[in-house]
Amino acid sequence: MLDGRGYPADFWATVRAADAAFAIGDECSLIEWPTGRHLQGSGPTGRVEVLRRRGGWIESSRGYRVRATGRAGLDYFDADGDLHIDSEMMATPTIVIYTDSIPDDRPLVLERVMRAWFWSGLDVDIDPPARPVWRRPGAQRE
């Protein structure tokens, strides 16, 4: 993740370079930060994800989009359909996502929504907080 608050000019220059690459159909380049130089690369799905703003939506090159519906709530859309997710904007640049509003059969939704909001410059908190499952070394998974 990029620390846009620490280096805002460089961060947004890189975002503009990534958006320009996406606009010409280049979905496989990595954009080096902070220079904005294009590097060829491939992500886990064979291409790098590119996020951009279109109207009120944050759209991904991987086929999903997210938007805030005001101070509370957000809309999410992907190939599996629409979702309304409970959330709340805080006074600081933070959004709280209430994970109970995301169906269990849609495991990528939280990760994608978080990635979109991080990209837009917001911090993300989830409620209830994820609890790590600690196992002693060598223990078998249940």
Protein backbone atom coordinates (compact mmCIF):
# COMPACT_ATOMS: atom_id res chain seq x y z
CA MET A 1 0.00 0.00 0.00
CA LEU A 2 1.14 3.51 -0.64
CA ASP A 3 1.37 6.15 2.06
CA GLY A 4 -0.33 8.98 0.19
CA ARG A 5 -0.48 11.19 3.28
CA GLY A 6 3.31 11.07 3.67
CA TYR A 7 4.11 11.83 0.01
CA PRO A 8 0.93 13.28 -1.51
CA ALA A 9 2.44 14.86 -4.64
CA ASP A 10 4.29 11.69 -5.63
CA PHE A 11 1.31 9.50 -4.77
CA TRP A 12 -1.13 11.41 -6.96
CA ALA A 13 1.38 11.63 -9.82
CA THR A 14 1.59 7.84 -9.74
CA VAL A 15 -2.20 7.50 -9.59
CA ARG A 16 -2.50 9.76 -12.65
CA ALA A 17 0.09 7.64 -14.51
CA ALA A 18 -1.81 4.45 -13.64
CA ASP A 19 -5.11 5.99 -14.74
CA ALA A 20 -3.53 7.11 -18.04
CA ALA A 21 -2.20 3.58 -18.65
CA PHE A 22 -5.62 2.09 -17.97
CA ALA A 23 -7.29 4.61 -20.28
CA ILE A 24 -5.22 3.37 -23.24
CA GLY A 25 -5.97 -0.27 -22.43
CA ASP A 26 -2.70 -1.08 -20.66
CA GLU A 27 -3.80 -3.28 -17.77
CA CYS A 28 -0.51 -5.16 -17.33
CA SER A 29 1.97 -2.43 -16.41
CA LEU A 30 3.11 -1.72 -12.91
CA ILE A 31 3.54 1.96 -12.14
CA GLU A 32 6.65 2.61 -10.09
CA TRP A 33 6.14 4.90 -7.16
CA PRO A 34 7.20 7.75 -6.80
CA THR A 35 8.52 8.22 -10.35
CA GLY A 36 5.43 7.15 -12.31
CA ARG A 37 7.62 4.98 -14.57
CA HIS A 38 5.78 2.08 -16.26
CA LEU A 39 7.12 -1.42 -15.58
CA GLN A 40 5.77 -4.56 -17.23
CA GLY A 41 4.32 -6.99 -14.74
CA SER A 42 1.52 -9.39 -14.02
CA GLY A 43 -0.63 -9.90 -10.98
CA PRO A 44 -2.03 -13.12 -9.52
CA THR A 45 -4.80 -13.16 -12.13
CA GLY A 46 -2.44 -12.44 -15.00
CA ARG A 47 -2.89 -8.68 -14.86
CA VAL A 48 -2.42 -5.82 -12.44
CA GLU A 49 -5.51 -4.29 -10.90
CA VAL A 50 -6.13 -0.67 -11.78
CA LEU A 51 -8.59 1.47 -9.83
CA ARG A 52 -10.09 4.71 -11.10
CA ARG A 53 -12.91 7.11 -10.33
CA ARG A 54 -15.88 7.30 -12.67
CA GLY A 55 -18.63 9.57 -11.44
CA GLY A 56 -19.30 8.65 -7.82
CA TRP A 57 -17.92 5.13 -8.28
CA ILE A 58 -14.47 3.68 -7.68
CA GLU A 59 -14.09 1.11 -10.47
CA SER A 60 -11.63 -1.74 -10.69
CA SER A 61 -10.19 -3.27 -13.83
CA ARG A 62 -11.16 -6.60 -12.23
CA GLY A 63 -14.88 -5.94 -12.69
CA TYR A 64 -16.18 -4.53 -9.42
CA ARG A 65 -17.13 -1.05 -8.29
CA VAL A 66 -17.85 0.70 -4.98
CA ARG A 67 -19.47 3.99 -3.99
CA ALA A 68 -20.51 5.73 -0.81
CA THR A 69 -24.23 6.40 -0.49
CA GLY A 70 -23.74 9.30 1.86
CA ARG A 71 -22.40 9.44 5.38
CA ALA A 72 -23.63 5.90 6.10
CA GLY A 73 -23.69 2.95 3.73
CA LEU A 74 -22.03 2.00 0.49
CA ASP A 75 -22.99 0.19 -2.68
CA TYR A 76 -20.89 -2.61 -4.15
CA PHE A 77 -21.38 -4.22 -7.55
CA ASP A 78 -19.63 -7.16 -9.23
CA ALA A 79 -20.54 -10.08 -11.50
CA ASP A 80 -22.30 -11.80 -8.58
CA GLY A 81 -24.70 -8.87 -8.14
CA ASP A 82 -25.33 -5.76 -6.08
CA LEU A 83 -24.81 -5.40 -2.34
CA HIS A 84 -25.59 -2.61 0.09
CA ILE A 85 -22.99 -2.66 2.86
CA ASP A 86 -23.46 -0.91 6.18
CA SER A 87 -20.68 1.58 6.83
CA GLU A 88 -20.07 4.93 8.44
CA MET A 89 -17.78 7.83 7.59
CA MET A 90 -15.90 9.21 10.57
CA ALA A 91 -14.82 12.81 11.19
CA THR A 92 -11.23 11.76 10.41
CA PRO A 93 -10.51 10.36 6.93
CA THR A 94 -11.74 6.92 8.01
CA ILE A 95 -14.58 4.63 7.01
CA VAL A 96 -15.92 1.91 9.32
CA ILE A 97 -17.27 -1.15 7.47
CA TYR A 98 -19.75 -3.33 9.36
CA THR A 99 -18.85 -6.82 8.21
CA ASP A 100 -22.11 -8.39 9.42
CA SER A 101 -23.77 -6.80 6.37
CA ILE A 102 -21.56 -8.79 3.94
CA PRO A 103 -22.88 -12.30 3.15
CA ASP A 104 -20.61 -15.20 4.09
CA ASP A 105 -20.76 -16.56 0.53
CA ARG A 106 -19.03 -13.43 -0.86
CA PRO A 107 -15.55 -13.62 0.75
CA LEU A 108 -13.77 -11.23 -1.65
CA VAL A 109 -16.13 -8.32 -1.06
CA LEU A 110 -14.49 -7.00 2.13
CA GLU A 111 -10.99 -7.20 0.64
CA ARG A 112 -12.07 -5.41 -2.52
CA VAL A 113 -13.99 -2.68 -0.69
CA MET A 114 -11.05 -2.07 1.64
CA ARG A 115 -8.64 -1.87 -1.32
CA ALA A 116 -10.89 0.69 -3.07
CA TRP A 117 -11.12 2.91 0.00
CA PHE A 118 -7.39 2.68 0.74
CA TRP A 119 -6.78 3.70 -2.86
CA SER A 120 -9.05 6.72 -2.42
CA GLY A 121 -7.03 7.90 0.59
CA LEU A 122 -9.25 6.74 3.45
CA ASP A 123 -8.26 4.60 6.38
CA VAL A 124 -10.52 1.59 6.92
CA ASP A 125 -11.72 0.06 10.18
CA ILE A 126 -13.85 -3.06 10.29
CA ASP A 127 -16.46 -3.83 12.90
CA PRO A 128 -16.50 -6.31 14.51
CA PRO A 129 -12.70 -6.49 14.37
CA ALA A 130 -11.25 -9.60 12.80
CA ARG A 131 -9.94 -11.94 15.44
CA PRO A 132 -6.82 -13.90 14.56
CA VAL A 133 -6.96 -17.60 15.29
CA TRP A 134 -3.83 -18.58 17.17
CA ARG A 135 -2.62 -22.16 17.05
CA ARG A 136 0.38 -23.62 18.69
CA PRO A 137 3.15 -24.59 16.24
CA GLY A 138 2.54 -27.98 14.69
CA ALA A 139 -1.15 -28.09 15.65
CA GLN A 140 -3.52 -29.51 13.04
CA ARG A 141 -6.21 -27.30 11.51
CA GLU A 142 -9.75 -28.25 12.44
